[in-house]
């Protein structure tokens, strides 16, 4: 189930985001989390199954042109190749109406293309 990020899940979210290539440095990771907490356009969602948070997907949502940029997507390494990333992408449809278009940045482009073809 896709849930919105909450401050109480900060350490878990930071741990998941640290698997992204550009988020390895602690300072950068802290800045990224702060941006998700303070910038209304930046939205972070976590994937939860039972009591475990297994993935994260970070977006920049632009209301004016109804676009969603997937800038982070990550799954706990011990749960990869189980379809969780695809489930997160498809679950976005439940949070945004069909008029929004989903786009990728350089880091997420290959994965999003893979989701569309399968």
PDB file of N, CA and C in Angstrom:
ATOM      1  N   UNK A   1       0.846  -1.171   0.000  1.00  0.00           N
ATOM      2  CA  UNK A   1       0.000   0.000   0.000  1.00  0.00           C
ATOM      3  C   UNK A   1       0.897   1.242   0.000  1.00  0.00           C
ATOM      4  N   UNK A   2       0.538   2.200  -0.830  1.00  0.00           N
ATOM      5  CA  UNK A   2       1.264   3.454  -0.918  1.00  0.00           C
ATOM      6  C   UNK A   2       0.742   4.414   0.149  1.00  0.00           C
ATOM      7  N   UNK A   3       1.660   4.933   0.966  1.00  0.00           N
ATOM      8  CA  UNK A   3       1.277   5.885   2.017  1.00  0.00           C
ATOM      9  C   UNK A   3       2.114   7.151   1.877  1.00  0.00           C
ATOM     10  N   UNK A   4       1.555   8.261   2.309  1.00  0.00           N
ATOM     11  CA  UNK A   4       2.300   9.520   2.286  1.00  0.00           C
ATOM     12  C   UNK A   4       3.364   9.512   3.378  1.00  0.00           C
ATOM     13  N   UNK A   5       4.499  10.114   3.045  1.00  0.00           N
ATOM     14  CA  UNK A   5       5.590  10.261   4.013  1.00  0.00           C
ATOM     15  C   UNK A   5       5.131  11.098   5.198  1.00  0.00           C
ATOM     16  N   UNK A   6       5.536  10.683   6.378  1.00  0.00           N
ATOM     17  CA  UNK A   6       5.315  11.445   7.607  1.00  0.00           C
ATOM     18  C   UNK A   6       6.651  11.548   8.337  1.00  0.00           C
ATOM     19  N   UNK A   7       6.822  12.613   9.084  1.00  0.00           N
ATOM     20  CA  UNK A   7       8.081  12.890   9.788  1.00  0.00           C
ATOM     21  C   UNK A   7       8.528  11.693  10.647  1.00  0.00           C
ATOM     22  N   UNK A   8       7.610  10.981  11.246  1.00  0.00           N
ATOM     23  CA  UNK A   8       7.970   9.849  12.107  1.00  0.00           C
ATOM     24  C   UNK A   8       8.638   8.712  11.325  1.00  0.00           C
ATOM     25  N   UNK A   9       8.522   8.746   9.996  1.00  0.00           N
ATOM     26  CA  UNK A   9       9.140   7.729   9.148  1.00  0.00           C
ATOM     27  C   UNK A   9      10.428   8.231   8.504  1.00  0.00           C
ATOM     28  N   UNK A  10      10.980   9.332   9.030  1.00  0.00           N
ATOM     29  CA  UNK A  10      12.141   9.982   8.426  1.00  0.00           C
ATOM     30  C   UNK A  10      13.337   9.048   8.268  1.00  0.00           C
ATOM     31  N   UNK A  11      13.709   8.317   9.307  1.00  0.00           N
ATOM     32  CA  UNK A  11      14.884   7.451   9.231  1.00  0.00           C
ATOM     33  C   UNK A  11      14.698   6.336   8.202  1.00  0.00           C
ATOM     34  N   UNK A  12      13.509   5.786   8.143  1.00  0.00           N
ATOM     35  CA  UNK A  12      13.230   4.732   7.163  1.00  0.00           C
ATOM     36  C   UNK A  12      13.316   5.312   5.752  1.00  0.00           C
ATOM     37  N   UNK A  13      12.707   6.486   5.555  1.00  0.00           N
ATOM     38  CA  UNK A  13      12.731   7.130   4.241  1.00  0.00           C
ATOM     39  C   UNK A  13      14.162   7.468   3.828  1.00  0.00           C
ATOM     40  N   UNK A  14      14.938   7.990   4.756  1.00  0.00           N
ATOM     41  CA  UNK A  14      16.331   8.320   4.448  1.00  0.00           C
ATOM     42  C   UNK A  14      17.116   7.064   4.083  1.00  0.00           C
ATOM     43  N   UNK A  15      16.876   5.986   4.794  1.00  0.00           N
ATOM     44  CA  UNK A  15      17.548   4.724   4.487  1.00  0.00           C
ATOM     45  C   UNK A  15      17.221   4.237   3.089  1.00  0.00           C
ATOM     46  N   UNK A  16      15.952   4.322   2.717  1.00  0.00           N
ATOM     47  CA  UNK A  16      15.554   3.893   1.381  1.00  0.00           C
ATOM     48  C   UNK A  16      16.121   4.819   0.304  1.00  0.00           C
ATOM     49  N   UNK A  17      16.036   6.120   0.522  1.00  0.00           N
ATOM     50  CA  UNK A  17      16.541   7.067  -0.469  1.00  0.00           C
ATOM     51  C   UNK A  17      18.061   6.967  -0.630  1.00  0.00           C
ATOM     52  N   UNK A  18      18.743   6.505   0.400  1.00  0.00           N
ATOM     53  CA  UNK A  18      20.207   6.389   0.309  1.00  0.00           C
ATOM     54  C   UNK A  18      20.643   5.360  -0.737  1.00  0.00           C
ATOM     55  N   UNK A  19      19.722   4.530  -1.214  1.00  0.00           N
ATOM     56  CA  UNK A  19      20.044   3.570  -2.276  1.00  0.00           C
ATOM     57  C   UNK A  19      20.077   4.237  -3.648  1.00  0.00           C
ATOM     58  N   UNK A  20      19.574   5.473  -3.750  1.00  0.00           N
ATOM     59  CA  UNK A  20      19.627   6.217  -5.011  1.00  0.00           C
ATOM     60  C   UNK A  20      21.060   6.708  -5.227  1.00  0.00           C
ATOM     61  N   UNK A  21      21.568   6.616  -6.436  1.00  0.00           N
ATOM     62  CA  UNK A  21      22.971   6.983  -6.700  1.00  0.00           C
ATOM     63  C   UNK A  21      23.365   8.399  -6.258  1.00  0.00           C
ATOM     64  N   UNK A  22      22.493   9.371  -6.435  1.00  0.00           N
ATOM     65  CA  UNK A  22      22.828  10.755  -6.085  1.00  0.00           C
ATOM     66  C   UNK A  22      22.540  11.102  -4.624  1.00  0.00           C
ATOM     67  N   UNK A  23      22.090  10.157  -3.845  1.00  0.00           N
ATOM     68  CA  UNK A  23      21.703  10.428  -2.454  1.00  0.00           C
ATOM     69  C   UNK A  23      22.597   9.708  -1.447  1.00  0.00           C
ATOM     70  N   UNK A  24      23.832   9.448  -1.814  1.00  0.00           N
ATOM     71  CA  UNK A  24      24.734   8.696  -0.932  1.00  0.00           C
ATOM     72  C   UNK A  24      25.263   9.528   0.237  1.00  0.00           C
ATOM     73  N   UNK A  25      25.505  10.816  -0.002  1.00  0.00           N
ATOM     74  CA  UNK A  25      26.066  11.675   1.041  1.00  0.00           C
ATOM     75  C   UNK A  25      24.984  12.083   2.041  1.00  0.00           C
ATOM     76  N   UNK A  26      25.317  12.032   3.320  1.00  0.00           N
ATOM     77  CA  UNK A  26      24.352  12.314   4.383  1.00  0.00           C
ATOM     78  C   UNK A  26      23.771  13.723   4.260  1.00  0.00           C
ATOM     79  N   UNK A  27      24.605  14.702   3.992  1.00  0.00           N
ATOM     80  CA  UNK A  27      24.142  16.090   3.887  1.00  0.00           C
ATOM     81  C   UNK A  27      23.132  16.224   2.747  1.00  0.00           C
ATOM     82  N   UNK A  28      23.442  15.638   1.613  1.00  0.00           N
ATOM     83  CA  UNK A  28      22.525  15.695   0.463  1.00  0.00           C
ATOM     84  C   UNK A  28      21.205  15.006   0.799  1.00  0.00           C
ATOM     85  N   UNK A  29      21.287  13.874   1.465  1.00  0.00           N
ATOM     86  CA  UNK A  29      20.102  13.126   1.857  1.00  0.00           C
ATOM     87  C   UNK A  29      19.234  13.942   2.819  1.00  0.00           C
ATOM     88  N   UNK A  30      19.867  14.603   3.783  1.00  0.00           N
ATOM     89  CA  UNK A  30      19.129  15.457   4.722  1.00  0.00           C
ATOM     90  C   UNK A  30      18.447  16.608   3.986  1.00  0.00           C
ATOM     91  N   UNK A  31      19.142  17.198   3.025  1.00  0.00           N
ATOM     92  CA  UNK A  31      18.558  18.287   2.231  1.00  0.00           C
ATOM     93  C   UNK A  31      17.357  17.794   1.420  1.00  0.00           C
ATOM     94  N   UNK A  32      17.470  16.606   0.868  1.00  0.00           N
ATOM     95  CA  UNK A  32      16.377  16.027   0.084  1.00  0.00           C
ATOM     96  C   UNK A  32      15.152  15.796   0.953  1.00  0.00           C
ATOM     97  N   UNK A  33      15.346  15.204   2.124  1.00  0.00           N
ATOM     98  CA  UNK A  33      14.223  14.958   3.037  1.00  0.00           C
ATOM     99  C   UNK A  33      13.589  16.279   3.461  1.00  0.00           C
ATOM    100  N   UNK A  34      14.415  17.276   3.765  1.00  0.00           N
ATOM    101  CA  UNK A  34      13.883  18.589   4.158  1.00  0.00           C
ATOM    102  C   UNK A  34      13.032  19.190   3.035  1.00  0.00           C
ATOM    103  N   UNK A  35      13.486  19.016   1.799  1.00  0.00           N
ATOM    104  CA  UNK A  35      12.727  19.530   0.647  1.00  0.00           C
ATOM    105  C   UNK A  35      11.366  18.838   0.566  1.00  0.00           C
ATOM    106  N   UNK A  36      11.340  17.523   0.787  1.00  0.00           N
ATOM    107  CA  UNK A  36      10.067  16.800   0.778  1.00  0.00           C
ATOM    108  C   UNK A  36       9.147  17.285   1.906  1.00  0.00           C
ATOM    109  N   UNK A  37       9.719  17.686   3.012  1.00  0.00           N
ATOM    110  CA  UNK A  37       8.918  18.133   4.148  1.00  0.00           C
ATOM    111  C   UNK A  37       8.405  19.562   3.999  1.00  0.00           C
ATOM    112  N   UNK A  38       9.120  20.397   3.240  1.00  0.00           N
ATOM    113  CA  UNK A  38       8.783  21.819   3.210  1.00  0.00           C
ATOM    114  C   UNK A  38       8.243  22.324   1.871  1.00  0.00           C
ATOM    115  N   UNK A  39       8.523  21.656   0.785  1.00  0.00           N
ATOM    116  CA  UNK A  39       8.105  22.105  -0.536  1.00  0.00           C
ATOM    117  C   UNK A  39       6.824  21.365  -0.932  1.00  0.00           C
ATOM    118  N   UNK A  40       5.752  22.116  -1.144  1.00  0.00           N
ATOM    119  CA  UNK A  40       4.464  21.499  -1.477  1.00  0.00           C
ATOM    120  C   UNK A  40       4.480  20.722  -2.788  1.00  0.00           C
ATOM    121  N   UNK A  41       5.358  21.091  -3.703  1.00  0.00           N
ATOM    122  CA  UNK A  41       5.430  20.373  -4.983  1.00  0.00           C
ATOM    123  C   UNK A  41       6.151  19.031  -4.845  1.00  0.00           C
ATOM    124  N   UNK A  42       7.002  18.908  -3.861  1.00  0.00           N
ATOM    125  CA  UNK A  42       7.739  17.662  -3.645  1.00  0.00           C
ATOM    126  C   UNK A  42       6.898  16.754  -2.754  1.00  0.00           C
ATOM    127  N   UNK A  43       6.600  15.559  -3.241  1.00  0.00           N
ATOM    128  CA  UNK A  43       5.796  14.612  -2.464  1.00  0.00           C
ATOM    129  C   UNK A  43       6.509  13.262  -2.420  1.00  0.00           C
ATOM    130  N   UNK A  44       6.584  12.725  -1.223  1.00  0.00           N
ATOM    131  CA  UNK A  44       7.248  11.444  -1.010  1.00  0.00           C
ATOM    132  C   UNK A  44       6.217  10.435  -0.511  1.00  0.00           C
ATOM    133  N   UNK A  45       6.214   9.285  -1.139  1.00  0.00           N
ATOM    134  CA  UNK A  45       5.332   8.191  -0.745  1.00  0.00           C
ATOM    135  C   UNK A  45       6.183   6.980  -0.392  1.00  0.00           C
ATOM    136  N   UNK A  46       5.691   6.189   0.540  1.00  0.00           N
ATOM    137  CA  UNK A  46       6.376   4.960   0.958  1.00  0.00           C
ATOM    138  C   UNK A  46       5.474   3.777   0.654  1.00  0.00           C
ATOM    139  N   UNK A  47       6.092   2.659   0.344  1.00  0.00           N
ATOM    140  CA  UNK A  47       5.340   1.430   0.087  1.00  0.00           C
ATOM    141  C   UNK A  47       5.413   0.561   1.337  1.00  0.00           C
ATOM    142  N   UNK A  48       4.227   0.238   1.869  1.00  0.00           N
ATOM    143  CA  UNK A  48       4.146  -0.535   3.105  1.00  0.00           C
ATOM    144  C   UNK A  48       3.388  -1.831   2.852  1.00  0.00           C
ATOM    145  N   UNK A  49       3.969  -2.925   3.311  1.00  0.00           N
ATOM    146  CA  UNK A  49       3.308  -4.224   3.280  1.00  0.00           C
ATOM    147  C   UNK A  49       3.355  -4.784   4.693  1.00  0.00           C
ATOM    148  N   UNK A  50       2.173  -5.083   5.216  1.00  0.00           N
ATOM    149  CA  UNK A  50       2.021  -5.477   6.615  1.00  0.00           C
ATOM    150  C   UNK A  50       2.630  -4.378   7.479  1.00  0.00           C
ATOM    151  N   UNK A  51       3.649  -4.647   8.271  1.00  0.00           N
ATOM    152  CA  UNK A  51       4.240  -3.609   9.119  1.00  0.00           C
ATOM    153  C   UNK A  51       5.582  -3.108   8.601  1.00  0.00           C
ATOM    154  N   UNK A  52       5.970  -3.525   7.408  1.00  0.00           N
ATOM    155  CA  UNK A  52       7.274  -3.161   6.868  1.00  0.00           C
ATOM    156  C   UNK A  52       7.163  -2.130   5.752  1.00  0.00           C
ATOM    157  N   UNK A  53       8.033  -1.131   5.801  1.00  0.00           N
ATOM    158  CA  UNK A  53       8.146  -0.165   4.713  1.00  0.00           C
ATOM    159  C   UNK A  53       9.250  -0.671   3.799  1.00  0.00           C
ATOM    160  N   UNK A  54       8.898  -0.957   2.549  1.00  0.00           N
ATOM    161  CA  UNK A  54       9.812  -1.637   1.637  1.00  0.00           C
ATOM    162  C   UNK A  54      10.307  -0.772   0.486  1.00  0.00           C
ATOM    163  N   UNK A  55       9.672   0.370   0.248  1.00  0.00           N
ATOM    164  CA  UNK A  55      10.070   1.188  -0.887  1.00  0.00           C
ATOM    165  C   UNK A  55       9.672   2.637  -0.712  1.00  0.00           C
ATOM    166  N   UNK A  56      10.212   3.467  -1.604  1.00  0.00           N
ATOM    167  CA  UNK A  56       9.893   4.892  -1.591  1.00  0.00           C
ATOM    168  C   UNK A  56       9.845   5.403  -3.023  1.00  0.00           C
ATOM    169  N   UNK A  57       8.944   6.350  -3.260  1.00  0.00           N
ATOM    170  CA  UNK A  57       8.856   6.997  -4.558  1.00  0.00           C
ATOM    171  C   UNK A  57       8.653   8.492  -4.313  1.00  0.00           C
ATOM    172  N   UNK A  58       9.551   9.281  -4.880  1.00  0.00           N
ATOM    173  CA  UNK A  58       9.529  10.724  -4.677  1.00  0.00           C
ATOM    174  C   UNK A  58       9.170  11.450  -5.955  1.00  0.00           C
ATOM    175  N   UNK A  59       8.296  12.440  -5.836  1.00  0.00           N
ATOM    176  CA  UNK A  59       7.737  13.126  -6.989  1.00  0.00           C
ATOM    177  C   UNK A  59       7.863  14.636  -6.870  1.00  0.00           C
ATOM    178  N   UNK A  60       7.860  15.280  -8.026  1.00  0.00           N
ATOM    179  CA  UNK A  60       7.613  16.713  -8.091  1.00  0.00           C
ATOM    180  C   UNK A  60       6.298  16.844  -8.859  1.00  0.00           C
ATOM    181  N   UNK A  61       5.292  17.389  -8.190  1.00  0.00           N
ATOM    182  CA  UNK A  61       3.962  17.505  -8.776  1.00  0.00           C
ATOM    183  C   UNK A  61       3.723  18.954  -9.170  1.00  0.00           C
ATOM    184  N   UNK A  62       3.443  19.153 -10.440  1.00  0.00           N
ATOM    185  CA  UNK A  62       3.167  20.497 -10.953  1.00  0.00           C
ATOM    186  C   UNK A  62       1.686  20.569 -11.310  1.00  0.00           C
ATOM    187  N   UNK A  63       0.938  21.257 -10.459  1.00  0.00           N
ATOM    188  CA  UNK A  63      -0.508  21.368 -10.639  1.00  0.00           C
ATOM    189  C   UNK A  63      -0.857  22.140 -11.903  1.00  0.00           C
ATOM    190  N   UNK A  64      -0.054  23.163 -12.241  1.00  0.00           N
ATOM    191  CA  UNK A  64      -0.394  24.030 -13.369  1.00  0.00           C
ATOM    192  C   UNK A  64      -0.436  23.300 -14.704  1.00  0.00           C
ATOM    193  N   UNK A  65       0.442  22.335 -14.912  1.00  0.00           N
ATOM    194  CA  UNK A  65       0.406  21.595 -16.175  1.00  0.00           C
ATOM    195  C   UNK A  65       0.099  20.106 -15.979  1.00  0.00           C
ATOM    196  N   UNK A  66      -0.384  19.781 -14.784  1.00  0.00           N
ATOM    197  CA  UNK A  66      -0.825  18.409 -14.479  1.00  0.00           C
ATOM    198  C   UNK A  66       0.243  17.366 -14.794  1.00  0.00           C
ATOM    199  N   UNK A  67       1.469  17.629 -14.329  1.00  0.00           N
ATOM    200  CA  UNK A  67       2.548  16.674 -14.573  1.00  0.00           C
ATOM    201  C   UNK A  67       3.164  16.197 -13.266  1.00  0.00           C
ATOM    202  N   UNK A  68       3.634  14.990 -13.305  1.00  0.00           N
ATOM    203  CA  UNK A  68       4.296  14.353 -12.171  1.00  0.00           C
ATOM    204  C   UNK A  68       5.661  13.894 -12.657  1.00  0.00           C
ATOM    205  N   UNK A  69       6.714  14.376 -12.001  1.00  0.00           N
ATOM    206  CA  UNK A  69       8.069  13.938 -12.319  1.00  0.00           C
ATOM    207  C   UNK A  69       8.515  12.972 -11.229  1.00  0.00           C
ATOM    208  N   UNK A  70       8.774  11.734 -11.604  1.00  0.00           N
ATOM    209  CA  UNK A  70       9.292  10.737 -10.659  1.00  0.00           C
ATOM    210  C   UNK A  70      10.795  10.968 -10.583  1.00  0.00           C
ATOM    211  N   UNK A  71      11.246  11.477  -9.429  1.00  0.00           N
ATOM    212  CA  UNK A  71      12.669  11.776  -9.292  1.00  0.00           C
ATOM    213  C   UNK A  71      13.404  10.765  -8.420  1.00  0.00           C
ATOM    214  N   UNK A  72      12.698  10.047  -7.606  1.00  0.00           N
ATOM    215  CA  UNK A  72      13.295   8.983  -6.787  1.00  0.00           C
ATOM    216  C   UNK A  72      12.369   7.775  -6.829  1.00  0.00           C
ATOM    217  N   UNK A  73      12.951   6.608  -6.964  1.00  0.00           N
ATOM    218  CA  UNK A  73      12.201   5.368  -6.775  1.00  0.00           C
ATOM    219  C   UNK A  73      13.209   4.323  -6.298  1.00  0.00           C
ATOM    220  N   UNK A  74      12.892   3.712  -5.182  1.00  0.00           N
ATOM    221  CA  UNK A  74      13.837   2.779  -4.581  1.00  0.00           C
ATOM    222  C   UNK A  74      13.091   1.718  -3.767  1.00  0.00           C
ATOM    223  N   UNK A  75      13.676   0.538  -3.743  1.00  0.00           N
ATOM    224  CA  UNK A  75      13.115  -0.589  -2.990  1.00  0.00           C
ATOM    225  C   UNK A  75      14.229  -1.188  -2.153  1.00  0.00           C
ATOM    226  N   UNK A  76      13.885  -1.603  -0.947  1.00  0.00           N
ATOM    227  CA  UNK A  76      14.846  -2.275  -0.075  1.00  0.00           C
ATOM    228  C   UNK A  76      15.499  -3.419  -0.860  1.00  0.00           C
ATOM    229  N   UNK A  77      16.825  -3.495  -0.855  1.00  0.00           N
ATOM    230  CA  UNK A  77      17.519  -4.525  -1.662  1.00  0.00           C
ATOM    231  C   UNK A  77      17.046  -5.952  -1.420  1.00  0.00           C
ATOM    232  N   UNK A  78      16.643  -6.284  -0.204  1.00  0.00           N
ATOM    233  CA  UNK A  78      16.202  -7.651   0.075  1.00  0.00           C
ATOM    234  C   UNK A  78      14.803  -7.946  -0.485  1.00  0.00           C
ATOM    235  N   UNK A  79      14.140  -6.918  -1.026  1.00  0.00           N
ATOM    236  CA  UNK A  79      12.801  -7.109  -1.597  1.00  0.00           C
ATOM    237  C   UNK A  79      12.734  -6.707  -3.073  1.00  0.00           C
ATOM    238  N   UNK A  80      13.869  -6.584  -3.715  1.00  0.00           N
ATOM    239  CA  UNK A  80      13.889  -6.214  -5.129  1.00  0.00           C
ATOM    240  C   UNK A  80      13.490  -7.393  -6.006  1.00  0.00           C
ATOM    241  N   UNK A  81      13.103  -7.075  -7.222  1.00  0.00           N
ATOM    242  CA  UNK A  81      12.659  -8.075  -8.199  1.00  0.00           C
ATOM    243  C   UNK A  81      11.417  -8.831  -7.766  1.00  0.00           C
ATOM    244  N   UNK A  82      10.590  -8.146  -6.972  1.00  0.00           N
ATOM    245  CA  UNK A  82       9.332  -8.731  -6.516  1.00  0.00           C
ATOM    246  C   UNK A  82       8.130  -7.900  -6.991  1.00  0.00           C
ATOM    247  N   UNK A  83       8.390  -6.909  -7.841  1.00  0.00           N
ATOM    248  CA  UNK A  83       7.310  -6.103  -8.394  1.00  0.00           C
ATOM    249  C   UNK A  83       6.887  -4.912  -7.554  1.00  0.00           C
ATOM    250  N   UNK A  84       7.608  -4.614  -6.490  1.00  0.00           N
ATOM    251  CA  UNK A  84       7.217  -3.519  -5.595  1.00  0.00           C
ATOM    252  C   UNK A  84       7.343  -2.169  -6.299  1.00  0.00           C
ATOM    253  N   UNK A  85       8.403  -1.962  -7.038  1.00  0.00           N
ATOM    254  CA  UNK A  85       8.574  -0.701  -7.764  1.00  0.00           C
ATOM    255  C   UNK A  85       7.428  -0.462  -8.731  1.00  0.00           C
ATOM    256  N   UNK A  86       7.059  -1.485  -9.471  1.00  0.00           N
ATOM    257  CA  UNK A  86       5.937  -1.378 -10.409  1.00  0.00           C
ATOM    258  C   UNK A  86       4.638  -1.093  -9.665  1.00  0.00           C
ATOM    259  N   UNK A  87       4.450  -1.746  -8.534  1.00  0.00           N
ATOM    260  CA  UNK A  87       3.243  -1.500  -7.747  1.00  0.00           C
ATOM    261  C   UNK A  87       3.180  -0.036  -7.307  1.00  0.00           C
ATOM    262  N   UNK A  88       4.322   0.534  -6.915  1.00  0.00           N
ATOM    263  CA  UNK A  88       4.340   1.937  -6.494  1.00  0.00           C
ATOM    264  C   UNK A  88       3.949   2.850  -7.646  1.00  0.00           C
ATOM    265  N   UNK A  89       4.515   2.606  -8.816  1.00  0.00           N
ATOM    266  CA  UNK A  89       4.209   3.441  -9.980  1.00  0.00           C
ATOM    267  C   UNK A  89       2.725   3.352 -10.318  1.00  0.00           C
ATOM    268  N   UNK A  90       2.180   2.149 -10.350  1.00  0.00           N
ATOM    269  CA  UNK A  90       0.769   1.977 -10.686  1.00  0.00           C
ATOM    270  C   UNK A  90      -0.155   2.528  -9.598  1.00  0.00           C
ATOM    271  N   UNK A  91       0.280   2.495  -8.354  1.00  0.00           N
ATOM    272  CA  UNK A  91      -0.540   3.015  -7.252  1.00  0.00           C
ATOM    273  C   UNK A  91      -0.656   4.539  -7.290  1.00  0.00           C
ATOM    274  N   UNK A  92       0.258   5.203  -7.990  1.00  0.00           N
ATOM    275  CA  UNK A  92       0.164   6.664  -8.115  1.00  0.00           C
ATOM    276  C   UNK A  92      -1.167   7.082  -8.725  1.00  0.00           C
ATOM    277  N   UNK A  93      -1.704   6.232  -9.578  1.00  0.00           N
ATOM    278  CA  UNK A  93      -2.978   6.530 -10.223  1.00  0.00           C
ATOM    279  C   UNK A  93      -4.089   6.713  -9.199  1.00  0.00           C
ATOM    280  N   UNK A  94      -3.962   6.091  -8.040  1.00  0.00           N
ATOM    281  CA  UNK A  94      -4.964   6.247  -6.989  1.00  0.00           C
ATOM    282  C   UNK A  94      -4.860   7.567  -6.249  1.00  0.00           C
ATOM    283  N   UNK A  95      -3.718   8.214  -6.351  1.00  0.00           N
ATOM    284  CA  UNK A  95      -3.511   9.493  -5.669  1.00  0.00           C
ATOM    285  C   UNK A  95      -3.762  10.690  -6.573  1.00  0.00           C
ATOM    286  N   UNK A  96      -3.656  10.490  -7.870  1.00  0.00           N
ATOM    287  CA  UNK A  96      -3.797  11.592  -8.828  1.00  0.00           C
ATOM    288  C   UNK A  96      -4.810  11.186  -9.891  1.00  0.00           C
ATOM    289  N   UNK A  97      -5.584  12.163 -10.352  1.00  0.00           N
ATOM    290  CA  UNK A  97      -6.566  11.803 -11.374  1.00  0.00           C
ATOM    291  C   UNK A  97      -5.881  11.560 -12.720  1.00  0.00           C
ATOM    292  N   UNK A  98      -6.642  11.012 -13.634  1.00  0.00           N
ATOM    293  CA  UNK A  98      -6.078  10.570 -14.911  1.00  0.00           C
ATOM    294  C   UNK A  98      -5.584  11.696 -15.810  1.00  0.00           C
ATOM    295  N   UNK A  99      -5.881  12.945 -15.457  1.00  0.00           N
ATOM    296  CA  UNK A  99      -5.409  14.063 -16.276  1.00  0.00           C
ATOM    297  C   UNK A  99      -3.913  14.352 -16.064  1.00  0.00           C
ATOM    298  N   UNK A 100      -3.329  13.779 -15.016  1.00  0.00           N
ATOM    299  CA  UNK A 100      -1.894  13.968 -14.762  1.00  0.00           C
ATOM    300  C   UNK A 100      -1.078  13.029 -15.637  1.00  0.00           C
ATOM    301  N   UNK A 101       0.032  13.537 -16.132  1.00  0.00           N
ATOM    302  CA  UNK A 101       0.951  12.691 -16.890  1.00  0.00           C
ATOM    303  C   UNK A 101       2.200  12.452 -16.051  1.00  0.00           C
ATOM    304  N   UNK A 102       2.706  11.238 -16.121  1.00  0.00           N
ATOM    305  CA  UNK A 102       3.869  10.839 -15.328  1.00  0.00           C
ATOM    306  C   UNK A 102       5.107  10.859 -16.216  1.00  0.00           C
ATOM    307  N   UNK A 103       6.149  11.520 -15.719  1.00  0.00           N
ATOM    308  CA  UNK A 103       7.414  11.637 -16.443  1.00  0.00           C
ATOM    309  C   UNK A 103       8.549  11.170 -15.535  1.00  0.00           C
ATOM    310  N   UNK A 104       9.700  10.948 -16.144  1.00  0.00           N
ATOM    311  CA  UNK A 104      10.870  10.485 -15.396  1.00  0.00           C
ATOM    312  C   UNK A 104      12.028  11.454 -15.571  1.00  0.00           C
ATOM    313  N   UNK A 105      12.950  11.403 -14.607  1.00  0.00           N
ATOM    314  CA  UNK A 105      14.222  12.107 -14.796  1.00  0.00           C
ATOM    315  C   UNK A 105      15.244  11.074 -15.291  1.00  0.00           C
ATOM    316  N   UNK A 106      16.491  11.478 -15.414  1.00  0.00           N
ATOM    317  CA  UNK A 106      17.518  10.554 -15.925  1.00  0.00           C
ATOM    318  C   UNK A 106      17.643   9.303 -15.069  1.00  0.00           C
ATOM    319  N   UNK A 107      17.543   9.466 -13.756  1.00  0.00           N
ATOM    320  CA  UNK A 107      17.732   8.328 -12.848  1.00  0.00           C
ATOM    321  C   UNK A 107      16.573   7.338 -12.896  1.00  0.00           C
ATOM    322  N   UNK A 108      15.374   7.813 -13.168  1.00  0.00           N
ATOM    323  CA  UNK A 108      14.203   6.931 -13.097  1.00  0.00           C
ATOM    324  C   UNK A 108      13.662   6.528 -14.465  1.00  0.00           C
ATOM    325  N   UNK A 109      14.234   7.082 -15.515  1.00  0.00           N
ATOM    326  CA  UNK A 109      13.701   6.866 -16.863  1.00  0.00           C
ATOM    327  C   UNK A 109      13.666   5.386 -17.270  1.00  0.00           C
ATOM    328  N   UNK A 110      14.764   4.687 -17.105  1.00  0.00           N
ATOM    329  CA  UNK A 110      14.812   3.274 -17.515  1.00  0.00           C
ATOM    330  C   UNK A 110      13.780   2.442 -16.761  1.00  0.00           C
ATOM    331  N   UNK A 111      13.659   2.695 -15.473  1.00  0.00           N
ATOM    332  CA  UNK A 111      12.714   1.919 -14.674  1.00  0.00           C
ATOM    333  C   UNK A 111      11.269   2.203 -15.088  1.00  0.00           C
ATOM    334  N   UNK A 112      10.932   3.474 -15.292  1.00  0.00           N
ATOM    335  CA  UNK A 112       9.556   3.803 -15.690  1.00  0.00           C
ATOM    336  C   UNK A 112       9.217   3.221 -17.052  1.00  0.00           C
ATOM    337  N   UNK A 113      10.171   3.225 -17.973  1.00  0.00           N
ATOM    338  CA  UNK A 113       9.928   2.605 -19.271  1.00  0.00           C
ATOM    339  C   UNK A 113       9.645   1.116 -19.109  1.00  0.00           C
ATOM    340  N   UNK A 114      10.365   0.475 -18.224  1.00  0.00           N
ATOM    341  CA  UNK A 114      10.171  -0.947 -17.950  1.00  0.00           C
ATOM    342  C   UNK A 114       8.766  -1.193 -17.387  1.00  0.00           C
ATOM    343  N   UNK A 115       8.291  -0.281 -16.533  1.00  0.00           N
ATOM    344  CA  UNK A 115       6.950  -0.417 -15.953  1.00  0.00           C
ATOM    345  C   UNK A 115       5.858  -0.307 -17.027  1.00  0.00           C
ATOM    346  N   UNK A 116       6.069   0.567 -17.996  1.00  0.00           N
ATOM    347  CA  UNK A 116       5.072   0.780 -19.043  1.00  0.00           C
ATOM    348  C   UNK A 116       4.989  -0.396 -19.986  1.00  0.00           C
ATOM    349  N   UNK A 117       6.085  -1.116 -20.173  1.00  0.00           N
ATOM    350  CA  UNK A 117       6.088  -2.221 -21.125  1.00  0.00           C
ATOM    351  C   UNK A 117       5.668  -3.549 -20.507  1.00  0.00           C
ATOM    352  N   UNK A 118       5.536  -3.582 -19.214  1.00  0.00           N
ATOM    353  CA  UNK A 118       5.134  -4.865 -18.601  1.00  0.00           C
ATOM    354  C   UNK A 118       3.878  -4.724 -17.795  1.00  0.00           C
TER     355      UNK A 118
END
